[in-house]
PDB file of N, CA and C in Angstrom:
ATOM      1  N   MET A   1       1.012  -1.068  -0.019  1.00  0.00           N
ATOM      2  CA  MET A   1      -0.020  -0.060  -0.052  1.00  0.00           C
ATOM      3  C   MET A   1       0.957   1.130  -0.197  1.00  0.00           C
ATOM      4  N   MET A   2       1.890   1.301   0.811  1.00  0.00           N
ATOM      5  CA  MET A   2       2.916   2.286   0.971  1.00  0.00           C
ATOM      6  C   MET A   2       3.578   2.462  -0.222  1.00  0.00           C
ATOM      7  N   GLN A   3       3.996   1.423  -1.013  1.00  0.00           N
ATOM      8  CA  GLN A   3       4.557   1.485  -2.070  1.00  0.00           C
ATOM      9  C   GLN A   3       3.907   1.945  -3.495  1.00  0.00           C
ATOM     10  N   ILE A   4       2.695   1.870  -3.303  1.00  0.00           N
ATOM     11  CA  ILE A   4       1.786   2.462  -4.495  1.00  0.00           C
ATOM     12  C   ILE A   4       1.434   3.721  -4.170  1.00  0.00           C
ATOM     13  N   ALA A   5       1.478   4.261  -2.941  1.00  0.00           N
ATOM     14  CA  ALA A   5       1.314   5.773  -2.745  1.00  0.00           C
ATOM     15  C   ALA A   5       2.586   6.501  -3.183  1.00  0.00           C
ATOM     16  N   ALA A   6       3.708   5.743  -2.776  1.00  0.00           N
ATOM     17  CA  ALA A   6       4.952   6.311  -3.390  1.00  0.00           C
ATOM     18  C   ALA A   6       5.336   6.562  -4.775  1.00  0.00           C
ATOM     19  N   GLN A   7       4.862   5.520  -5.564  1.00  0.00           N
ATOM     20  CA  GLN A   7       4.772   5.473  -6.954  1.00  0.00           C
ATOM     21  C   GLN A   7       3.997   6.650  -7.593  1.00  0.00           C
ATOM     22  N   GLU A   8       2.666   6.565  -6.976  1.00  0.00           N
ATOM     23  CA  GLU A   8       1.783   7.661  -7.364  1.00  0.00           C
ATOM     24  C   GLU A   8       2.535   9.022  -7.317  1.00  0.00           C
ATOM     25  N   GLY A   9       3.143   9.336  -6.219  1.00  0.00           N
ATOM     26  CA  GLY A   9       3.695  10.560  -5.827  1.00  0.00           C
ATOM     27  C   GLY A   9       4.808  10.848  -6.671  1.00  0.00           C
ATOM     28  N   LEU A  10       5.546  10.096  -6.917  1.00  0.00           N
ATOM     29  CA  LEU A  10       6.728   9.890  -7.880  1.00  0.00           C
ATOM     30  C   LEU A  10       6.167  10.442  -9.556  1.00  0.00           C
ATOM     31  N   ILE A  11       5.090   9.647  -9.836  1.00  0.00           N
ATOM     32  CA  ILE A  11       4.764   9.996 -11.147  1.00  0.00           C
ATOM     33  C   ILE A  11       3.993  11.418 -11.155  1.00  0.00           C
ATOM     34  N   ALA A  12       3.495  11.937 -10.086  1.00  0.00           N
ATOM     35  CA  ALA A  12       2.897  13.056  -9.995  1.00  0.00           C
ATOM     36  C   ALA A  12       3.697  14.216 -10.094  1.00  0.00           C
ATOM     37  N   MET A  13       4.932  14.151  -9.356  1.00  0.00           N
ATOM     38  CA  MET A  13       6.113  14.906  -9.341  1.00  0.00           C
ATOM     39  C   MET A  13       6.919  15.096 -10.685  1.00  0.00           C
ATOM     40  N   LEU A  14       7.071  14.078 -11.462  1.00  0.00           N
ATOM     41  CA  LEU A  14       7.545  13.724 -12.595  1.00  0.00           C
ATOM     42  C   LEU A  14       6.784  14.511 -13.892  1.00  0.00           C
ATOM     43  N   SER A  15       5.387  14.249 -13.574  1.00  0.00           N
ATOM     44  CA  SER A  15       4.568  14.637 -14.690  1.00  0.00           C
ATOM     45  C   SER A  15       4.508  16.299 -14.366  1.00  0.00           C
ATOM     46  N   HIS A  16       4.373  16.761 -13.365  1.00  0.00           N
ATOM     47  CA  HIS A  16       4.537  18.336 -13.049  1.00  0.00           C
ATOM     48  C   HIS A  16       5.724  18.773 -13.715  1.00  0.00           C
ATOM     49  N   LEU A  17       6.796  18.344 -13.416  1.00  0.00           N
ATOM     50  CA  LEU A  17       7.882  18.796 -13.820  1.00  0.00           C
ATOM     51  C   LEU A  17       8.236  18.795 -15.588  1.00  0.00           C
ATOM     52  N   VAL A  18       7.639  17.821 -16.139  1.00  0.00           N
ATOM     53  CA  VAL A  18       7.769  17.447 -17.475  1.00  0.00           C
ATOM     54  C   VAL A  18       6.763  18.686 -18.126  1.00  0.00           C
ATOM     55  N   PHE A  19       5.546  18.700 -17.511  1.00  0.00           N
ATOM     56  CA  PHE A  19       4.539  19.690 -18.158  1.00  0.00           C
ATOM     57  C   PHE A  19       4.995  21.177 -17.975  1.00  0.00           C
ATOM     58  N   ILE A  20       5.854  21.489 -16.844  1.00  0.00           N
ATOM     59  CA  ILE A  20       6.286  22.743 -16.598  1.00  0.00           C
ATOM     60  C   ILE A  20       7.448  23.088 -17.544  1.00  0.00           C
ATOM     61  N   VAL A  21       8.247  22.028 -17.926  1.00  0.00           N
ATOM     62  CA  VAL A  21       9.431  22.388 -18.840  1.00  0.00           C
ATOM     63  C   VAL A  21       8.857  22.357 -20.267  1.00  0.00           C
ATOM     64  N   ILE A  22       7.760  21.769 -20.551  1.00  0.00           N
ATOM     65  CA  ILE A  22       7.182  21.817 -21.835  1.00  0.00           C
ATOM     66  C   ILE A  22       6.456  23.243 -22.091  1.00  0.00           C
ATOM     67  N   THR A  23       5.894  23.679 -21.003  1.00  0.00           N
ATOM     68  CA  THR A  23       5.183  25.012 -20.915  1.00  0.00           C
ATOM     69  C   THR A  23       6.053  26.230 -21.071  1.00  0.00           C
ATOM     70  N   TRP A  24       7.448  26.034 -20.201  1.00  0.00           N
ATOM     71  CA  TRP A  24       8.419  26.933 -20.481  1.00  0.00           C
ATOM     72  C   TRP A  24       9.131  27.111 -21.743  1.00  0.00           C
ATOM     73  N   TYR A  25       9.259  26.135 -22.384  1.00  0.00           N
ATOM     74  CA  TYR A  25       9.670  26.246 -23.777  1.00  0.00           C
ATOM     75  C   TYR A  25       8.618  26.702 -24.937  1.00  0.00           C
ATOM     76  N   ILE A  26       7.256  26.360 -24.671  1.00  0.00           N
ATOM     77  CA  ILE A  26       6.395  26.984 -25.407  1.00  0.00           C
ATOM     78  C   ILE A  26       6.064  28.646 -25.199  1.00  0.00           C
ATOM     79  N   LEU A  27       6.194  28.955 -23.919  1.00  0.00           N
ATOM     80  CA  LEU A  27       6.087  30.367 -23.526  1.00  0.00           C
ATOM     81  C   LEU A  27       7.385  31.430 -24.103  1.00  0.00           C
ATOM     82  N   GLN A  28       8.497  30.492 -24.258  1.00  0.00           N
ATOM     83  CA  GLN A  28       9.871  31.283 -24.821  1.00  0.00           C
ATOM     84  C   GLN A  28       9.574  31.595 -26.175  1.00  0.00           C
ATOM     85  N   SER A  29       8.591  31.098 -26.861  1.00  0.00           N
ATOM     86  CA  SER A  29       8.307  31.480 -28.346  1.00  0.00           C
ATOM     87  C   SER A  29       7.466  32.804 -28.349  1.00  0.00           C
ATOM     88  N   ILE A  30       6.948  33.051 -27.373  1.00  0.00           N
ATOM     89  CA  ILE A  30       6.035  34.418 -27.289  1.00  0.00           C
ATOM     90  C   ILE A  30       6.704  35.548 -27.041  1.00  0.00           C
ATOM     91  N   ASN A  31       6.483  36.741 -27.615  1.00  0.00           N
ATOM     92  CA  ASN A  31       7.170  37.888 -27.260  1.00  0.00           C
ATOM     93  C   ASN A  31       6.392  38.679 -26.327  1.00  0.00           C
ATOM     94  N   PHE A  32       6.902  38.777 -25.220  1.00  0.00           N
ATOM     95  CA  PHE A  32       6.039  39.625 -23.971  1.00  0.00           C
ATOM     96  C   PHE A  32       6.845  40.972 -23.818  1.00  0.00           C
ATOM     97  N   ASP A  33       7.576  41.421 -24.874  1.00  0.00           N
ATOM     98  CA  ASP A  33       8.494  42.629 -24.413  1.00  0.00           C
ATOM     99  C   ASP A  33       7.390  43.732 -24.396  1.00  0.00           C
ATOM    100  N   ALA A  34       6.250  43.573 -25.154  1.00  0.00           N
ATOM    101  CA  ALA A  34       5.487  44.860 -25.293  1.00  0.00           C
ATOM    102  C   ALA A  34       4.545  45.102 -24.035  1.00  0.00           C
ATOM    103  N   LEU A  35       4.558  43.969 -23.389  1.00  0.00           N
ATOM    104  CA  LEU A  35       3.631  43.849 -21.997  1.00  0.00           C
ATOM    105  C   LEU A  35       4.326  44.554 -21.044  1.00  0.00           C
ATOM    106  N   PHE A  36       5.516  44.661 -20.850  1.00  0.00           N
ATOM    107  CA  PHE A  36       6.453  45.123 -19.799  1.00  0.00           C
ATOM    108  C   PHE A  36       7.141  46.209 -20.040  1.00  0.00           C
ATOM    109  N   ARG A  37       7.500  47.162 -19.034  1.00  0.00           N
ATOM    110  CA  ARG A  37       8.160  48.322 -19.059  1.00  0.00           C
ATOM    111  C   ARG A  37       9.819  47.833 -18.910  1.00  0.00           C
ATOM    112  N   LYS A  38      10.436  48.597 -19.802  1.00  0.00           N
ATOM    113  CA  LYS A  38      11.946  48.119 -19.870  1.00  0.00           C
ATOM    114  C   LYS A  38      12.668  47.976 -18.510  1.00  0.00           C
ATOM    115  N   GLN A  39      12.468  48.740 -17.539  1.00  0.00           N
ATOM    116  CA  GLN A  39      13.096  48.886 -16.154  1.00  0.00           C
ATOM    117  C   GLN A  39      12.485  47.713 -15.429  1.00  0.00           C
ATOM    118  N   LYS A  40      11.581  46.999 -15.683  1.00  0.00           N
ATOM    119  CA  LYS A  40      10.820  45.877 -14.970  1.00  0.00           C
ATOM    120  C   LYS A  40      11.429  44.624 -15.580  1.00  0.00           C
ATOM    121  N   VAL A  41      12.560  44.202 -15.753  1.00  0.00           N
ATOM    122  CA  VAL A  41      12.942  43.082 -16.321  1.00  0.00           C
ATOM    123  C   VAL A  41      12.764  41.655 -15.375  1.00  0.00           C
ATOM    124  N   PHE A  42      13.160  41.897 -14.118  1.00  0.00           N
ATOM    125  CA  PHE A  42      13.036  41.072 -12.988  1.00  0.00           C
ATOM    126  C   PHE A  42      11.645  40.764 -12.776  1.00  0.00           C
ATOM    127  N   GLU A  43      10.935  41.490 -12.861  1.00  0.00           N
ATOM    128  CA  GLU A  43       9.519  41.261 -12.521  1.00  0.00           C
ATOM    129  C   GLU A  43       8.752  40.479 -13.677  1.00  0.00           C
ATOM    130  N   ALA A  44       9.140  41.101 -14.779  1.00  0.00           N
ATOM    131  CA  ALA A  44       8.757  40.263 -15.991  1.00  0.00           C
ATOM    132  C   ALA A  44       9.017  38.672 -15.880  1.00  0.00           C
ATOM    133  N   ARG A  45      10.278  38.559 -15.790  1.00  0.00           N
ATOM    134  CA  ARG A  45      10.862  37.135 -15.764  1.00  0.00           C
ATOM    135  C   ARG A  45      10.157  36.432 -14.722  1.00  0.00           C
ATOM    136  N   LEU A  46       9.821  36.981 -13.480  1.00  0.00           N
ATOM    137  CA  LEU A  46       9.142  36.200 -12.481  1.00  0.00           C
ATOM    138  C   LEU A  46       7.924  36.014 -12.941  1.00  0.00           C
ATOM    139  N   LEU A  47       7.123  36.798 -13.285  1.00  0.00           N
ATOM    140  CA  LEU A  47       5.776  36.501 -13.973  1.00  0.00           C
ATOM    141  C   LEU A  47       5.818  35.511 -14.900  1.00  0.00           C
ATOM    142  N   ILE A  48       6.546  35.566 -15.691  1.00  0.00           N
ATOM    143  CA  ILE A  48       6.435  34.368 -16.813  1.00  0.00           C
ATOM    144  C   ILE A  48       6.913  32.920 -16.074  1.00  0.00           C
ATOM    145  N   ILE A  49       7.711  32.863 -15.275  1.00  0.00           N
ATOM    146  CA  ILE A  49       7.927  31.922 -14.281  1.00  0.00           C
ATOM    147  C   ILE A  49       6.872  31.268 -13.589  1.00  0.00           C
ATOM    148  N   PHE A  50       6.014  32.231 -12.900  1.00  0.00           N
ATOM    149  CA  PHE A  50       4.683  32.035 -12.285  1.00  0.00           C
ATOM    150  C   PHE A  50       3.536  31.362 -13.247  1.00  0.00           C
ATOM    151  N   ILE A  51       3.561  32.079 -14.444  1.00  0.00           N
ATOM    152  CA  ILE A  51       2.719  31.531 -15.436  1.00  0.00           C
ATOM    153  C   ILE A  51       2.910  30.206 -15.634  1.00  0.00           C
ATOM    154  N   THR A  52       4.229  30.033 -16.160  1.00  0.00           N
ATOM    155  CA  THR A  52       4.893  28.743 -16.609  1.00  0.00           C
ATOM    156  C   THR A  52       4.469  27.663 -15.540  1.00  0.00           C
ATOM    157  N   ILE A  53       4.675  27.780 -14.291  1.00  0.00           N
ATOM    158  CA  ILE A  53       4.238  26.847 -13.263  1.00  0.00           C
ATOM    159  C   ILE A  53       2.724  26.900 -13.165  1.00  0.00           C
ATOM    160  N   ALA A  54       1.881  27.861 -13.179  1.00  0.00           N
ATOM    161  CA  ALA A  54       0.364  27.493 -12.942  1.00  0.00           C
ATOM    162  C   ALA A  54      -0.193  26.875 -14.142  1.00  0.00           C
ATOM    163  N   ILE A  55       0.495  27.363 -15.400  1.00  0.00           N
ATOM    164  CA  ILE A  55      -0.191  26.310 -16.619  1.00  0.00           C
ATOM    165  C   ILE A  55       0.326  25.105 -16.738  1.00  0.00           C
ATOM    166  N   GLY A  56       1.567  24.611 -16.442  1.00  0.00           N
ATOM    167  CA  GLY A  56       2.204  23.490 -16.402  1.00  0.00           C
ATOM    168  C   GLY A  56       1.529  22.489 -15.340  1.00  0.00           C
ATOM    169  N   SER A  57       1.202  22.880 -14.298  1.00  0.00           N
ATOM    170  CA  SER A  57       0.817  22.325 -13.209  1.00  0.00           C
ATOM    171  C   SER A  57      -0.721  22.060 -13.449  1.00  0.00           C
ATOM    172  N   THR A  58      -1.447  23.048 -14.220  1.00  0.00           N
ATOM    173  CA  THR A  58      -2.952  22.686 -14.340  1.00  0.00           C
ATOM    174  C   THR A  58      -2.880  21.490 -15.340  1.00  0.00           C
ATOM    175  N   VAL A  59      -2.243  21.503 -16.516  1.00  0.00           N
ATOM    176  CA  VAL A  59      -2.108  20.644 -17.482  1.00  0.00           C
ATOM    177  C   VAL A  59      -1.735  19.205 -16.814  1.00  0.00           C
ATOM    178  N   SER A  60      -0.817  19.262 -16.234  1.00  0.00           N
ATOM    179  CA  SER A  60      -0.355  17.954 -15.294  1.00  0.00           C
ATOM    180  C   SER A  60      -1.399  17.227 -14.528  1.00  0.00           C
ATOM    181  N   ARG A  61      -2.235  18.226 -13.884  1.00  0.00           N
ATOM    182  CA  ARG A  61      -3.247  17.517 -12.866  1.00  0.00           C
ATOM    183  C   ARG A  61      -4.495  17.113 -13.918  1.00  0.00           C
ATOM    184  N   PHE A  62      -4.570  17.638 -14.932  1.00  0.00           N
ATOM    185  CA  PHE A  62      -5.507  17.238 -15.958  1.00  0.00           C
ATOM    186  C   PHE A  62      -5.105  15.792 -16.238  1.00  0.00           C
ATOM    187  N   PHE A  63      -4.072  15.685 -16.830  1.00  0.00           N
ATOM    188  CA  PHE A  63      -3.530  14.361 -17.376  1.00  0.00           C
ATOM    189  C   PHE A  63      -3.510  13.144 -16.302  1.00  0.00           C
ATOM    190  N   LEU A  64      -3.274  13.547 -14.911  1.00  0.00           N
ATOM    191  CA  LEU A  64      -3.005  12.800 -13.970  1.00  0.00           C
ATOM    192  C   LEU A  64      -4.534  12.274 -13.399  1.00  0.00           C
ATOM    193  N   ASP A  65      -5.562  13.461 -13.481  1.00  0.00           N
ATOM    194  CA  ASP A  65      -6.863  12.948 -13.093  1.00  0.00           C
ATOM    195  C   ASP A  65      -7.350  11.991 -14.230  1.00  0.00           C
ATOM    196  N   LEU A  66      -6.981  12.426 -15.418  1.00  0.00           N
ATOM    197  CA  LEU A  66      -7.449  11.360 -16.543  1.00  0.00           C
ATOM    198  C   LEU A  66      -7.166  10.057 -16.402  1.00  0.00           C
ATOM    199  N   LEU A  67      -5.736   9.853 -16.015  1.00  0.00           N
ATOM    200  CA  LEU A  67      -5.119   8.687 -15.863  1.00  0.00           C
ATOM    201  C   LEU A  67      -5.927   7.849 -14.534  1.00  0.00           C
ATOM    202  N   GLN A  68      -6.220   8.732 -13.447  1.00  0.00           N
ATOM    203  CA  GLN A  68      -6.933   8.003 -12.411  1.00  0.00           C
ATOM    204  C   GLN A  68      -8.244   7.583 -12.691  1.00  0.00           C
ATOM    205  N   TRP A  69      -8.778   8.359 -13.584  1.00  0.00           N
ATOM    206  CA  TRP A  69     -10.473   8.173 -14.076  1.00  0.00           C
ATOM    207  C   TRP A  69     -10.489   6.875 -14.825  1.00  0.00           C
ATOM    208  N   SER A  70      -9.474   6.799 -15.728  1.00  0.00           N
ATOM    209  CA  SER A  70      -9.214   5.702 -16.732  1.00  0.00           C
ATOM    210  C   SER A  70      -9.258   4.398 -15.715  1.00  0.00           C
ATOM    211  N   GLN A  71      -8.346   4.598 -14.748  1.00  0.00           N
ATOM    212  CA  GLN A  71      -8.197   3.275 -13.947  1.00  0.00           C
ATOM    213  C   GLN A  71      -9.508   3.034 -13.107  1.00  0.00           C
ATOM    214  N   GLN A  72     -10.087   3.975 -12.965  1.00  0.00           N
ATOM    215  CA  GLN A  72     -11.534   3.575 -12.073  1.00  0.00           C
ATOM    216  C   GLN A  72     -12.645   3.036 -13.019  1.00  0.00           C
ATOM    217  N   LEU A  73     -12.525   2.998 -14.369  1.00  0.00           N
ATOM    218  CA  LEU A  73     -13.517   2.445 -15.145  1.00  0.00           C
ATOM    219  C   LEU A  73     -13.585   0.922 -15.036  1.00  0.00           C
ATOM    220  N   ILE A  74     -12.693   0.300 -14.593  1.00  0.00           N
ATOM    221  CA  ILE A  74     -12.864  -1.147 -14.350  1.00  0.00           C
ATOM    222  C   ILE A  74     -14.135  -1.393 -13.301  1.00  0.00           C
ATOM    223  N   TYR A  75     -14.314  -0.440 -12.649  1.00  0.00           N
ATOM    224  CA  TYR A  75     -15.625  -0.557 -11.563  1.00  0.00           C
ATOM    225  C   TYR A  75     -16.810  -0.351 -12.023  1.00  0.00           C
ATOM    226  N   LEU A  76     -17.006   0.015 -13.437  1.00  0.00           N
ATOM    227  CA  LEU A  76     -17.989   0.440 -14.006  1.00  0.00           C
ATOM    228  C   LEU A  76     -19.043  -0.804 -14.125  1.00  0.00           C
ATOM    229  N   PHE A  77     -18.572  -1.867 -14.607  1.00  0.00           N
ATOM    230  CA  PHE A  77     -19.283  -3.176 -14.617  1.00  0.00           C
ATOM    231  C   PHE A  77     -19.259  -3.975 -13.637  1.00  0.00           C
TER     232      PHE A  77
END
């Protein structure tokens, strides 16, 4: 039982990290320069990091939920 919980935790952490990295690469292709002031570079980068974490974690949570729901389908019949 404890081993299953540990495996699920590891899968969740890896999933979040993978989707955060994918989101980071995607957001790098967007030009945010027009949205921020020139003297606020640190704040702009910090906001992009927070947006990356928020989007990556949300997408990861969706796929983890989808995986969990698909495993629960065996109880349908």
